[in-house]
């Protein structure tokens, strides 16, 4: 059994009833008896199940468009950190991508796009409220939770070390180098790139490593 809220259920019946045809509030009332049709329509529009095409005329959003809007709104949460007032720094695979300037990007699937950030442990209540207010998906690093789409993975620490790379707050390069070393099977190519780009002297001979 699929569990969903009443507006989601009603959306199914709206599309079943009207399809993509436009309708008026009187036609809505004829099909769906309601003591508050104006409020219901307002709520459905706010939830993006339907739209107002002109004054007094409405249209149900197509299922594929509705799904597209859900994904689009989630993807747009990638940019919300610019509004944050607490300190943070990108870390883990996100920081690897930043330090390699986009050369190496992993730790994602078609259905899951993690953004790893380090935050101060004392700021955890702030971040929980921040992501809730912005309707953004988030999960703590040690939390067992089904994740999907753009999801902020939070790594609380007592203090946050921050470097600025091309205007972006990110954990220091040395932390990311160690992270790559600790996960060498996955991040060996990134480690080699970082070694060459920043002249870290990690390998006696880069040619030997890549041969």
N, C-alpha and C. Protein backbone atom coordinates (compact mmCIF):
# COMPACT_ATOMS: atom_id res chain seq x y z
N UNK A 1 0.84 -1.20 0.00
CA UNK A 1 0.00 0.00 0.00
C UNK A 1 0.88 1.25 0.00
N UNK A 2 0.58 2.20 -0.90
CA UNK A 2 1.30 3.46 -0.96
C UNK A 2 0.66 4.45 -0.01
N UNK A 3 1.44 4.99 0.91
CA UNK A 3 0.94 5.98 1.86
C UNK A 3 1.27 7.38 1.35
N UNK A 4 0.27 8.23 1.22
CA UNK A 4 0.50 9.59 0.73
C UNK A 4 -0.49 10.53 1.41
N UNK A 5 -0.18 11.84 1.34
CA UNK A 5 -1.10 12.77 1.98
C UNK A 5 -2.33 12.99 1.10
N UNK A 6 -3.33 13.66 1.65
CA UNK A 6 -4.62 13.77 0.96
C UNK A 6 -4.53 14.62 -0.31
N UNK A 7 -3.68 15.65 -0.31
CA UNK A 7 -3.54 16.46 -1.52
C UNK A 7 -2.90 15.66 -2.65
N UNK A 8 -1.96 14.78 -2.31
CA UNK A 8 -1.36 13.94 -3.34
C UNK A 8 -2.41 12.99 -3.92
N UNK A 9 -3.24 12.43 -3.04
CA UNK A 9 -4.33 11.57 -3.50
C UNK A 9 -5.30 12.36 -4.38
N UNK A 10 -5.60 13.59 -3.95
CA UNK A 10 -6.55 14.41 -4.70
C UNK A 10 -5.97 14.78 -6.06
N UNK A 11 -4.67 15.01 -6.11
CA UNK A 11 -4.01 15.32 -7.38
C UNK A 11 -4.26 14.20 -8.38
N UNK A 12 -4.16 12.95 -7.92
CA UNK A 12 -4.42 11.83 -8.81
C UNK A 12 -5.83 11.88 -9.37
N UNK A 13 -6.80 12.19 -8.53
CA UNK A 13 -8.18 12.26 -8.99
C UNK A 13 -8.44 13.49 -9.85
N UNK A 14 -7.76 14.57 -9.56
CA UNK A 14 -7.89 15.77 -10.40
C UNK A 14 -7.43 15.49 -11.83
N UNK A 15 -6.26 14.85 -11.94
CA UNK A 15 -5.74 14.55 -13.27
C UNK A 15 -6.61 13.51 -13.96
N UNK A 16 -7.12 12.56 -13.19
CA UNK A 16 -8.03 11.54 -13.74
C UNK A 16 -9.31 12.20 -14.25
N UNK A 17 -9.76 13.24 -13.58
CA UNK A 17 -11.02 13.90 -13.92
C UNK A 17 -10.87 14.92 -15.05
N UNK A 18 -9.88 15.81 -14.93
CA UNK A 18 -9.76 16.91 -15.89
C UNK A 18 -8.66 16.71 -16.93
N UNK A 19 -7.71 15.83 -16.65
CA UNK A 19 -6.58 15.70 -17.56
C UNK A 19 -5.85 17.02 -17.67
N UNK A 20 -5.57 17.48 -18.90
CA UNK A 20 -4.90 18.76 -19.10
C UNK A 20 -5.88 19.88 -19.46
N UNK A 21 -7.18 19.58 -19.44
CA UNK A 21 -8.18 20.60 -19.78
C UNK A 21 -8.29 21.63 -18.66
N UNK A 22 -8.61 22.86 -19.02
CA UNK A 22 -8.81 23.91 -18.02
C UNK A 22 -10.21 23.78 -17.42
N UNK A 23 -10.37 24.31 -16.23
CA UNK A 23 -11.67 24.23 -15.55
C UNK A 23 -11.82 25.42 -14.61
N UNK A 24 -13.06 25.70 -14.25
CA UNK A 24 -13.35 26.81 -13.35
C UNK A 24 -13.59 26.27 -11.94
N UNK A 25 -13.71 27.20 -11.01
CA UNK A 25 -13.96 26.79 -9.63
C UNK A 25 -15.34 26.12 -9.51
N UNK A 26 -16.30 26.56 -10.32
CA UNK A 26 -17.62 25.93 -10.30
C UNK A 26 -17.54 24.49 -10.80
N UNK A 27 -16.74 24.26 -11.84
CA UNK A 27 -16.57 22.91 -12.36
C UNK A 27 -15.83 22.04 -11.35
N UNK A 28 -14.88 22.65 -10.65
CA UNK A 28 -14.18 21.93 -9.59
C UNK A 28 -15.17 21.50 -8.51
N UNK A 29 -16.05 22.42 -8.11
CA UNK A 29 -17.02 22.15 -7.05
C UNK A 29 -18.02 21.07 -7.48
N UNK A 30 -18.35 21.07 -8.76
CA UNK A 30 -19.27 20.06 -9.27
C UNK A 30 -18.68 18.66 -9.17
N UNK A 31 -17.38 18.55 -9.39
CA UNK A 31 -16.71 17.26 -9.37
C UNK A 31 -16.28 16.84 -7.96
N UNK A 32 -15.93 17.84 -7.16
CA UNK A 32 -15.38 17.56 -5.83
C UNK A 32 -16.12 18.39 -4.78
N UNK A 33 -17.17 17.87 -4.20
CA UNK A 33 -17.91 18.62 -3.19
C UNK A 33 -16.98 19.10 -2.08
N UNK A 34 -17.03 20.40 -1.79
CA UNK A 34 -16.13 20.96 -0.79
C UNK A 34 -16.73 22.21 -0.16
N UNK A 35 -16.61 22.34 1.17
CA UNK A 35 -17.10 23.55 1.82
C UNK A 35 -16.15 24.74 1.61
N UNK A 36 -14.89 24.45 1.19
CA UNK A 36 -13.89 25.50 1.00
C UNK A 36 -13.12 25.31 -0.31
N UNK A 37 -13.81 25.36 -1.44
CA UNK A 37 -13.13 25.11 -2.72
C UNK A 37 -12.01 26.10 -3.02
N UNK A 38 -12.21 27.36 -2.64
CA UNK A 38 -11.18 28.37 -2.90
C UNK A 38 -9.90 28.05 -2.15
N UNK A 39 -10.03 27.66 -0.89
CA UNK A 39 -8.85 27.31 -0.09
C UNK A 39 -8.16 26.06 -0.64
N UNK A 40 -8.97 25.06 -1.01
CA UNK A 40 -8.40 23.83 -1.54
C UNK A 40 -7.61 24.11 -2.81
N UNK A 41 -8.18 24.90 -3.70
CA UNK A 41 -7.49 25.24 -4.94
C UNK A 41 -6.21 26.03 -4.65
N UNK A 42 -6.31 26.96 -3.70
CA UNK A 42 -5.13 27.74 -3.31
C UNK A 42 -4.03 26.80 -2.81
N UNK A 43 -4.39 25.85 -1.97
CA UNK A 43 -3.41 24.92 -1.42
C UNK A 43 -2.81 24.03 -2.50
N UNK A 44 -3.64 23.60 -3.45
CA UNK A 44 -3.17 22.76 -4.54
C UNK A 44 -2.20 23.51 -5.45
N UNK A 45 -2.48 24.79 -5.67
CA UNK A 45 -1.58 25.63 -6.47
C UNK A 45 -0.26 25.83 -5.73
N UNK A 46 -0.34 26.09 -4.43
CA UNK A 46 0.86 26.28 -3.62
C UNK A 46 1.71 25.03 -3.60
N UNK A 47 1.06 23.86 -3.62
CA UNK A 47 1.78 22.59 -3.63
C UNK A 47 2.22 22.19 -5.03
N UNK A 48 1.90 23.03 -6.02
CA UNK A 48 2.29 22.85 -7.42
C UNK A 48 1.63 21.63 -8.06
N UNK A 49 0.44 21.26 -7.58
CA UNK A 49 -0.33 20.21 -8.22
C UNK A 49 -1.13 20.78 -9.38
N UNK A 50 -1.41 22.07 -9.34
CA UNK A 50 -2.17 22.72 -10.40
C UNK A 50 -1.73 24.17 -10.50
N UNK A 51 -2.19 24.83 -11.57
CA UNK A 51 -1.80 26.23 -11.78
C UNK A 51 -3.02 27.05 -12.18
N UNK A 52 -2.93 28.35 -12.01
CA UNK A 52 -3.96 29.28 -12.46
C UNK A 52 -3.58 29.73 -13.87
N UNK A 53 -4.40 29.46 -14.87
CA UNK A 53 -4.08 29.86 -16.24
C UNK A 53 -4.52 31.29 -16.53
N UNK A 54 -5.62 31.70 -15.91
CA UNK A 54 -6.08 33.08 -15.93
C UNK A 54 -7.08 33.22 -14.79
N UNK A 55 -7.56 34.40 -14.57
CA UNK A 55 -8.45 34.63 -13.43
C UNK A 55 -9.65 33.67 -13.47
N UNK A 56 -9.78 32.86 -12.43
CA UNK A 56 -10.92 31.96 -12.31
C UNK A 56 -10.82 30.68 -13.12
N UNK A 57 -9.67 30.45 -13.77
CA UNK A 57 -9.50 29.25 -14.59
C UNK A 57 -8.22 28.53 -14.18
N UNK A 58 -8.30 27.20 -14.10
CA UNK A 58 -7.19 26.42 -13.56
C UNK A 58 -6.87 25.23 -14.45
N UNK A 59 -5.70 24.65 -14.19
CA UNK A 59 -5.27 23.48 -14.96
C UNK A 59 -4.39 22.59 -14.08
N UNK A 60 -4.61 21.29 -14.16
CA UNK A 60 -3.80 20.34 -13.39
C UNK A 60 -2.45 20.17 -14.08
N UNK A 61 -1.40 20.12 -13.28
CA UNK A 61 -0.05 19.93 -13.82
C UNK A 61 0.11 18.48 -14.28
N UNK A 62 0.73 18.27 -15.42
CA UNK A 62 0.96 16.92 -15.92
C UNK A 62 1.87 16.15 -14.95
N UNK A 63 1.67 14.85 -14.82
CA UNK A 63 2.51 14.06 -13.91
C UNK A 63 4.00 14.21 -14.17
N UNK A 64 4.41 14.17 -15.45
CA UNK A 64 5.84 14.28 -15.73
C UNK A 64 6.37 15.67 -15.38
N UNK A 65 5.54 16.69 -15.55
CA UNK A 65 5.94 18.05 -15.18
C UNK A 65 6.03 18.18 -13.66
N UNK A 66 5.08 17.53 -12.96
CA UNK A 66 5.09 17.56 -11.50
C UNK A 66 6.37 16.91 -10.97
N UNK A 67 6.73 15.77 -11.53
CA UNK A 67 7.97 15.08 -11.12
C UNK A 67 9.18 15.94 -11.43
N UNK A 68 9.18 16.56 -12.62
CA UNK A 68 10.29 17.43 -13.00
C UNK A 68 10.45 18.58 -12.01
N UNK A 69 9.34 19.15 -11.57
CA UNK A 69 9.40 20.26 -10.62
C UNK A 69 9.98 19.82 -9.28
N UNK A 70 9.62 18.61 -8.84
CA UNK A 70 10.16 18.10 -7.59
C UNK A 70 11.67 18.01 -7.67
N UNK A 71 12.16 17.42 -8.76
CA UNK A 71 13.61 17.26 -8.93
C UNK A 71 14.28 18.62 -9.07
N UNK A 72 13.67 19.52 -9.84
CA UNK A 72 14.25 20.84 -10.06
C UNK A 72 14.39 21.61 -8.75
N UNK A 73 13.36 21.57 -7.92
CA UNK A 73 13.41 22.29 -6.65
C UNK A 73 14.48 21.70 -5.72
N UNK A 74 14.62 20.39 -5.75
CA UNK A 74 15.66 19.76 -4.93
C UNK A 74 17.04 20.15 -5.43
N UNK A 75 17.24 20.12 -6.74
CA UNK A 75 18.55 20.47 -7.32
C UNK A 75 18.93 21.90 -6.99
N UNK A 76 17.93 22.78 -6.96
CA UNK A 76 18.21 24.19 -6.67
C UNK A 76 18.70 24.43 -5.25
N UNK A 77 18.53 23.45 -4.36
CA UNK A 77 19.04 23.62 -2.99
C UNK A 77 20.56 23.56 -2.94
N UNK A 78 21.21 23.25 -4.06
CA UNK A 78 22.68 23.27 -4.11
C UNK A 78 23.23 24.65 -3.78
N UNK A 79 22.43 25.68 -3.96
CA UNK A 79 22.92 27.05 -3.84
C UNK A 79 22.56 27.73 -2.52
N UNK A 80 21.93 27.02 -1.61
CA UNK A 80 21.42 27.68 -0.41
C UNK A 80 22.48 28.04 0.61
N UNK A 81 23.66 27.42 0.55
CA UNK A 81 24.67 27.68 1.58
C UNK A 81 25.14 29.14 1.58
N UNK A 82 24.96 29.82 0.47
CA UNK A 82 25.33 31.24 0.43
C UNK A 82 24.49 32.07 1.40
N UNK A 83 23.36 31.52 1.84
CA UNK A 83 22.48 32.22 2.78
C UNK A 83 22.81 31.90 4.24
N UNK A 84 23.69 30.92 4.46
CA UNK A 84 23.99 30.49 5.82
C UNK A 84 24.80 31.55 6.56
N UNK A 85 24.55 31.66 7.86
CA UNK A 85 25.27 32.63 8.70
C UNK A 85 26.26 31.96 9.64
N UNK A 86 26.32 30.64 9.61
CA UNK A 86 27.27 29.90 10.43
C UNK A 86 28.40 29.36 9.56
N UNK A 87 29.54 29.13 10.18
CA UNK A 87 30.71 28.67 9.44
C UNK A 87 30.55 27.22 8.98
N UNK A 88 31.07 26.96 7.80
CA UNK A 88 31.07 25.60 7.25
C UNK A 88 32.22 25.49 6.26
N UNK A 89 32.54 24.27 5.88
CA UNK A 89 33.55 24.04 4.86
C UNK A 89 33.21 22.75 4.13
N UNK A 90 33.35 22.76 2.82
CA UNK A 90 33.14 21.53 2.06
C UNK A 90 34.22 20.54 2.42
N UNK A 91 33.84 19.27 2.46
CA UNK A 91 34.79 18.24 2.88
C UNK A 91 34.55 16.95 2.09
N UNK A 92 35.33 15.91 2.39
CA UNK A 92 35.22 14.59 1.79
C UNK A 92 35.19 14.68 0.25
N UNK A 93 34.33 13.92 -0.40
CA UNK A 93 34.37 13.86 -1.87
C UNK A 93 34.07 15.21 -2.51
N UNK A 94 33.27 16.04 -1.85
CA UNK A 94 32.97 17.37 -2.39
C UNK A 94 34.23 18.22 -2.41
N UNK A 95 35.01 18.14 -1.35
CA UNK A 95 36.26 18.89 -1.28
C UNK A 95 37.29 18.36 -2.28
N UNK A 96 37.28 17.05 -2.51
CA UNK A 96 38.18 16.47 -3.51
C UNK A 96 37.88 17.09 -4.87
N UNK A 97 36.61 17.20 -5.18
CA UNK A 97 36.21 17.80 -6.46
C UNK A 97 36.66 19.26 -6.56
N UNK A 98 36.55 19.98 -5.45
CA UNK A 98 36.94 21.40 -5.44
C UNK A 98 38.45 21.54 -5.58
N UNK A 99 39.22 20.78 -4.80
CA UNK A 99 40.68 20.89 -4.85
C UNK A 99 41.25 20.40 -6.17
N UNK A 100 40.57 19.45 -6.83
CA UNK A 100 41.04 18.99 -8.14
C UNK A 100 40.42 19.82 -9.27
N UNK A 101 39.71 20.87 -8.89
CA UNK A 101 39.10 21.80 -9.84
C UNK A 101 38.20 21.07 -10.84
N UNK A 102 37.43 20.13 -10.31
CA UNK A 102 36.47 19.41 -11.12
C UNK A 102 37.02 18.19 -11.83
N UNK A 103 38.31 17.93 -11.68
CA UNK A 103 38.92 16.79 -12.36
C UNK A 103 38.38 15.47 -11.83
N UNK A 104 38.22 15.38 -10.52
CA UNK A 104 37.81 14.10 -9.94
C UNK A 104 36.54 14.28 -9.12
N UNK A 105 35.49 13.57 -9.55
CA UNK A 105 34.19 13.66 -8.87
C UNK A 105 33.62 12.26 -8.75
N UNK A 106 33.40 11.83 -7.53
CA UNK A 106 32.86 10.50 -7.29
C UNK A 106 31.90 10.56 -6.12
N UNK A 107 31.47 9.41 -5.62
CA UNK A 107 30.58 9.34 -4.45
C UNK A 107 29.18 9.84 -4.79
N UNK A 108 28.72 9.59 -6.00
CA UNK A 108 27.37 9.99 -6.37
C UNK A 108 26.77 8.94 -7.30
N UNK A 109 25.45 8.95 -7.40
CA UNK A 109 24.75 8.08 -8.33
C UNK A 109 23.74 8.92 -9.09
N UNK A 110 23.00 8.31 -9.98
CA UNK A 110 21.97 9.04 -10.72
C UNK A 110 20.90 9.56 -9.79
N UNK A 111 20.67 8.85 -8.67
CA UNK A 111 19.61 9.24 -7.75
C UNK A 111 20.07 9.89 -6.48
N UNK A 112 21.39 10.02 -6.29
CA UNK A 112 21.90 10.58 -5.03
C UNK A 112 23.10 11.48 -5.31
N UNK A 113 22.98 12.76 -4.93
CA UNK A 113 24.03 13.74 -5.18
C UNK A 113 24.44 14.37 -3.84
N UNK A 114 25.37 13.74 -3.12
CA UNK A 114 25.74 14.27 -1.80
C UNK A 114 26.60 15.52 -1.87
N UNK A 115 26.40 16.41 -0.92
CA UNK A 115 27.26 17.58 -0.71
C UNK A 115 27.76 17.49 0.72
N UNK A 116 29.04 17.21 0.88
CA UNK A 116 29.60 17.01 2.22
C UNK A 116 30.11 18.34 2.79
N UNK A 117 29.66 18.66 3.99
CA UNK A 117 30.17 19.87 4.66
C UNK A 117 30.52 19.56 6.11
N UNK A 118 31.58 20.21 6.57
CA UNK A 118 31.94 20.17 7.98
C UNK A 118 31.32 21.36 8.67
N UNK A 119 30.72 21.10 9.82
CA UNK A 119 30.11 22.17 10.61
C UNK A 119 30.57 22.05 12.06
N UNK A 120 30.40 23.13 12.81
CA UNK A 120 30.72 23.06 14.24
C UNK A 120 29.62 22.28 14.96
N UNK A 121 30.03 21.43 15.88
CA UNK A 121 29.06 20.63 16.63
C UNK A 121 28.07 21.52 17.38
N UNK A 122 28.56 22.63 17.87
CA UNK A 122 27.69 23.54 18.63
C UNK A 122 26.63 24.20 17.74
N UNK A 123 26.84 24.16 16.41
CA UNK A 123 25.91 24.79 15.48
C UNK A 123 24.87 23.83 14.91
N UNK A 124 24.88 22.59 15.37
CA UNK A 124 23.97 21.59 14.82
C UNK A 124 22.51 22.04 14.84
N UNK A 125 21.98 22.58 15.95
CA UNK A 125 20.58 23.04 15.94
C UNK A 125 20.30 24.08 14.85
N UNK A 126 21.27 24.97 14.63
CA UNK A 126 21.10 25.99 13.59
C UNK A 126 20.96 25.34 12.22
N UNK A 127 21.84 24.38 11.93
CA UNK A 127 21.82 23.75 10.60
C UNK A 127 20.57 22.93 10.37
N UNK A 128 20.09 22.25 11.40
CA UNK A 128 18.85 21.49 11.25
C UNK A 128 17.72 22.42 10.85
N UNK A 129 17.60 23.54 11.53
CA UNK A 129 16.56 24.51 11.22
C UNK A 129 16.79 25.14 9.85
N UNK A 130 18.03 25.41 9.52
CA UNK A 130 18.38 26.02 8.22
C UNK A 130 17.91 25.13 7.06
N UNK A 131 18.23 23.85 7.13
CA UNK A 131 17.84 22.96 6.04
C UNK A 131 16.33 22.73 6.01
N UNK A 132 15.71 22.70 7.16
CA UNK A 132 14.25 22.55 7.18
C UNK A 132 13.56 23.75 6.56
N UNK A 133 14.03 24.94 6.89
CA UNK A 133 13.42 26.15 6.34
C UNK A 133 13.61 26.24 4.83
N UNK A 134 14.71 25.68 4.34
CA UNK A 134 14.98 25.72 2.90
C UNK A 134 14.51 24.45 2.18
N UNK A 135 13.78 23.60 2.91
CA UNK A 135 13.24 22.37 2.34
C UNK A 135 14.33 21.57 1.63
N UNK A 136 15.49 21.47 2.29
CA UNK A 136 16.64 20.76 1.72
C UNK A 136 16.86 19.44 2.44
N UNK A 137 17.25 18.43 1.69
CA UNK A 137 17.54 17.12 2.27
C UNK A 137 18.89 17.18 3.00
N UNK A 138 18.96 16.57 4.16
CA UNK A 138 20.23 16.51 4.89
C UNK A 138 20.29 15.23 5.71
N UNK A 139 21.50 14.83 6.03
CA UNK A 139 21.72 13.63 6.83
C UNK A 139 23.05 13.80 7.56
N UNK A 140 23.15 13.31 8.78
CA UNK A 140 24.42 13.33 9.50
C UNK A 140 25.25 12.13 9.07
N UNK A 141 26.57 12.28 9.10
CA UNK A 141 27.46 11.27 8.56
C UNK A 141 27.24 9.88 9.15
N UNK A 142 26.89 9.79 10.42
CA UNK A 142 26.73 8.50 11.07
C UNK A 142 25.27 8.04 11.10
N UNK A 143 24.39 8.79 10.46
CA UNK A 143 22.96 8.50 10.53
C UNK A 143 22.54 7.46 9.50
N UNK A 144 21.71 6.52 9.92
CA UNK A 144 21.17 5.52 9.01
C UNK A 144 19.85 6.04 8.46
N UNK A 145 19.85 6.41 7.20
CA UNK A 145 18.69 7.08 6.62
C UNK A 145 18.68 6.88 5.11
N UNK A 146 17.52 6.64 4.54
CA UNK A 146 17.42 6.55 3.09
C UNK A 146 17.63 7.94 2.50
N UNK A 147 18.54 8.05 1.54
CA UNK A 147 18.89 9.36 0.98
C UNK A 147 18.61 9.38 -0.52
N UNK A 148 18.33 10.57 -1.03
CA UNK A 148 18.05 10.71 -2.46
C UNK A 148 18.27 12.15 -2.88
N UNK A 149 18.52 12.33 -4.16
CA UNK A 149 18.68 13.67 -4.72
C UNK A 149 19.85 14.42 -4.10
N UNK A 150 19.80 15.74 -4.20
CA UNK A 150 20.81 16.59 -3.58
C UNK A 150 20.62 16.53 -2.07
N UNK A 151 21.59 15.98 -1.37
CA UNK A 151 21.51 15.80 0.08
C UNK A 151 22.77 16.33 0.74
N UNK A 152 22.61 17.17 1.72
CA UNK A 152 23.76 17.67 2.48
C UNK A 152 24.14 16.64 3.54
N UNK A 153 25.38 16.18 3.47
CA UNK A 153 25.90 15.23 4.45
C UNK A 153 26.71 16.04 5.46
N UNK A 154 26.26 16.05 6.71
CA UNK A 154 26.85 16.91 7.73
C UNK A 154 27.87 16.15 8.57
N UNK A 155 29.04 16.78 8.73
CA UNK A 155 30.14 16.19 9.50
C UNK A 155 30.47 17.15 10.65
N UNK A 156 29.79 16.99 11.79
CA UNK A 156 30.04 17.91 12.93
C UNK A 156 31.41 17.67 13.56
N UNK A 157 32.10 18.79 13.87
CA UNK A 157 33.38 18.73 14.57
C UNK A 157 33.40 19.85 15.62
N UNK A 158 34.30 19.74 16.55
CA UNK A 158 34.41 20.78 17.58
C UNK A 158 34.80 22.11 16.95
N UNK A 159 35.73 22.07 16.00
CA UNK A 159 36.14 23.28 15.27
C UNK A 159 36.16 22.98 13.78
N UNK A 160 36.07 24.01 12.98
CA UNK A 160 36.08 23.86 11.52
C UNK A 160 37.28 24.60 10.95
N UNK A 161 38.14 23.88 10.25
CA UNK A 161 39.27 24.50 9.57
C UNK A 161 38.85 24.84 8.15
N UNK A 162 39.09 26.06 7.74
CA UNK A 162 38.60 26.52 6.44
C UNK A 162 39.71 27.17 5.63
N UNK A 163 39.85 26.75 4.38
CA UNK A 163 40.64 27.45 3.38
C UNK A 163 39.67 27.96 2.32
N UNK A 164 40.08 28.95 1.57
CA UNK A 164 39.24 29.47 0.50
C UNK A 164 39.88 29.09 -0.83
N UNK A 165 39.18 28.30 -1.61
CA UNK A 165 39.66 27.86 -2.92
C UNK A 165 38.72 28.43 -3.98
N UNK A 166 39.24 29.37 -4.77
CA UNK A 166 38.42 30.01 -5.80
C UNK A 166 37.12 30.56 -5.24
N UNK A 167 37.23 31.18 -4.05
CA UNK A 167 36.07 31.81 -3.42
C UNK A 167 35.17 30.86 -2.68
N UNK A 168 35.55 29.58 -2.58
CA UNK A 168 34.71 28.57 -1.94
C UNK A 168 35.34 28.08 -0.65
N UNK A 169 34.59 28.04 0.46
CA UNK A 169 35.13 27.54 1.73
C UNK A 169 35.28 26.02 1.69
N UNK A 170 36.47 25.55 1.92
CA UNK A 170 36.75 24.13 1.82
C UNK A 170 37.78 23.76 2.88
N UNK A 171 37.76 22.52 3.35
CA UNK A 171 38.75 22.11 4.34
C UNK A 171 40.13 22.18 3.71
N UNK A 172 41.19 22.37 4.50
CA UNK A 172 42.54 22.52 3.96
C UNK A 172 42.98 21.34 3.10
N UNK A 173 43.87 21.64 2.17
CA UNK A 173 44.36 20.64 1.23
C UNK A 173 44.95 19.43 1.96
N UNK A 174 45.67 19.67 3.04
CA UNK A 174 46.31 18.55 3.74
C UNK A 174 45.26 17.56 4.27
N UNK A 175 44.10 18.06 4.67
CA UNK A 175 43.04 17.17 5.15
C UNK A 175 42.51 16.30 4.02
N UNK A 176 42.39 16.89 2.84
CA UNK A 176 41.87 16.15 1.70
C UNK A 176 42.90 15.15 1.19
N UNK A 177 44.16 15.52 1.24
CA UNK A 177 45.21 14.56 0.85
C UNK A 177 45.15 13.35 1.77
N UNK A 178 44.99 13.58 3.06
CA UNK A 178 44.90 12.47 4.00
C UNK A 178 43.63 11.65 3.76
N UNK A 179 42.55 12.33 3.44
CA UNK A 179 41.29 11.64 3.13
C UNK A 179 41.49 10.72 1.93
N UNK A 180 42.17 11.21 0.90
CA UNK A 180 42.43 10.40 -0.28
C UNK A 180 43.34 9.21 0.06
N UNK A 181 44.32 9.45 0.91
CA UNK A 181 45.21 8.36 1.32
C UNK A 181 44.44 7.29 2.08
N UNK A 182 43.52 7.71 2.92
CA UNK A 182 42.74 6.77 3.71
C UNK A 182 41.75 5.97 2.85
N UNK A 183 41.46 6.50 1.67
CA UNK A 183 40.53 5.83 0.74
C UNK A 183 41.20 5.68 -0.62
N UNK A 184 42.42 5.19 -0.60
CA UNK A 184 43.28 5.18 -1.78
C UNK A 184 42.68 4.42 -2.96
N UNK A 185 41.97 3.33 -2.70
CA UNK A 185 41.41 2.54 -3.79
C UNK A 185 40.50 3.39 -4.67
N UNK A 186 39.73 4.26 -4.04
CA UNK A 186 38.80 5.12 -4.79
C UNK A 186 39.48 6.39 -5.28
N UNK A 187 40.39 6.93 -4.46
CA UNK A 187 40.91 8.27 -4.73
C UNK A 187 42.36 8.31 -5.23
N UNK A 188 42.90 7.20 -5.65
CA UNK A 188 44.26 7.21 -6.18
C UNK A 188 44.44 8.20 -7.34
N UNK A 189 43.53 8.23 -8.33
CA UNK A 189 43.69 9.21 -9.42
C UNK A 189 43.67 10.66 -8.91
N UNK A 190 42.82 10.93 -7.91
CA UNK A 190 42.77 12.28 -7.34
C UNK A 190 44.05 12.60 -6.61
N UNK A 191 44.60 11.62 -5.91
CA UNK A 191 45.84 11.81 -5.17
C UNK A 191 46.99 12.14 -6.13
N UNK A 192 47.03 11.45 -7.25
CA UNK A 192 48.07 11.71 -8.25
C UNK A 192 47.90 13.11 -8.85
N UNK A 193 46.65 13.50 -9.10
CA UNK A 193 46.39 14.84 -9.64
C UNK A 193 46.83 15.92 -8.66
N UNK A 194 46.47 15.75 -7.40
CA UNK A 194 46.84 16.73 -6.37
C UNK A 194 48.35 16.81 -6.22
N UNK A 195 49.01 15.67 -6.30
CA UNK A 195 50.47 15.63 -6.17
C UNK A 195 51.13 16.44 -7.28
N UNK A 196 50.65 16.27 -8.50
CA UNK A 196 51.23 17.00 -9.63
C UNK A 196 50.89 18.49 -9.58
N UNK A 197 49.64 18.80 -9.29
CA UNK A 197 49.19 20.20 -9.35
C UNK A 197 49.81 21.06 -8.26
N UNK A 198 49.90 20.50 -7.05
CA UNK A 198 50.36 21.30 -5.92
C UNK A 198 51.78 20.94 -5.47
N UNK A 199 52.46 20.13 -6.29
CA UNK A 199 53.87 19.78 -6.02
C UNK A 199 54.06 19.30 -4.58
N UNK A 200 53.30 18.27 -4.23
CA UNK A 200 53.29 17.79 -2.86
C UNK A 200 54.40 16.79 -2.55
N UNK A 201 55.00 16.24 -3.58
CA UNK A 201 56.07 15.28 -3.35
C UNK A 201 55.58 14.00 -2.70
N UNK A 202 54.37 13.58 -3.04
CA UNK A 202 53.82 12.38 -2.42
C UNK A 202 54.44 11.11 -2.97
N UNK A 203 54.89 11.15 -4.22
CA UNK A 203 55.47 9.98 -4.87
C UNK A 203 56.88 10.29 -5.34
N UNK A 204 57.76 9.30 -5.26
CA UNK A 204 59.13 9.49 -5.73
C UNK A 204 59.15 9.76 -7.22
N UNK A 205 58.28 9.06 -7.92
CA UNK A 205 58.21 9.24 -9.37
C UNK A 205 56.77 9.08 -9.80
N UNK A 206 56.18 10.15 -10.31
CA UNK A 206 54.80 10.09 -10.75
C UNK A 206 54.63 9.09 -11.89
N UNK A 207 55.65 9.02 -12.76
CA UNK A 207 55.58 8.12 -13.91
C UNK A 207 55.48 6.67 -13.44
N UNK A 208 56.21 6.33 -12.34
CA UNK A 208 56.17 4.98 -11.84
C UNK A 208 54.78 4.65 -11.28
N UNK A 209 54.16 5.63 -10.68
CA UNK A 209 52.84 5.39 -10.08
C UNK A 209 51.80 5.10 -11.15
N UNK A 210 51.88 5.83 -12.25
CA UNK A 210 50.85 5.72 -13.28
C UNK A 210 51.15 4.65 -14.32
N UNK A 211 52.36 4.08 -14.31
CA UNK A 211 52.73 3.10 -15.30
C UNK A 211 52.10 1.75 -15.00
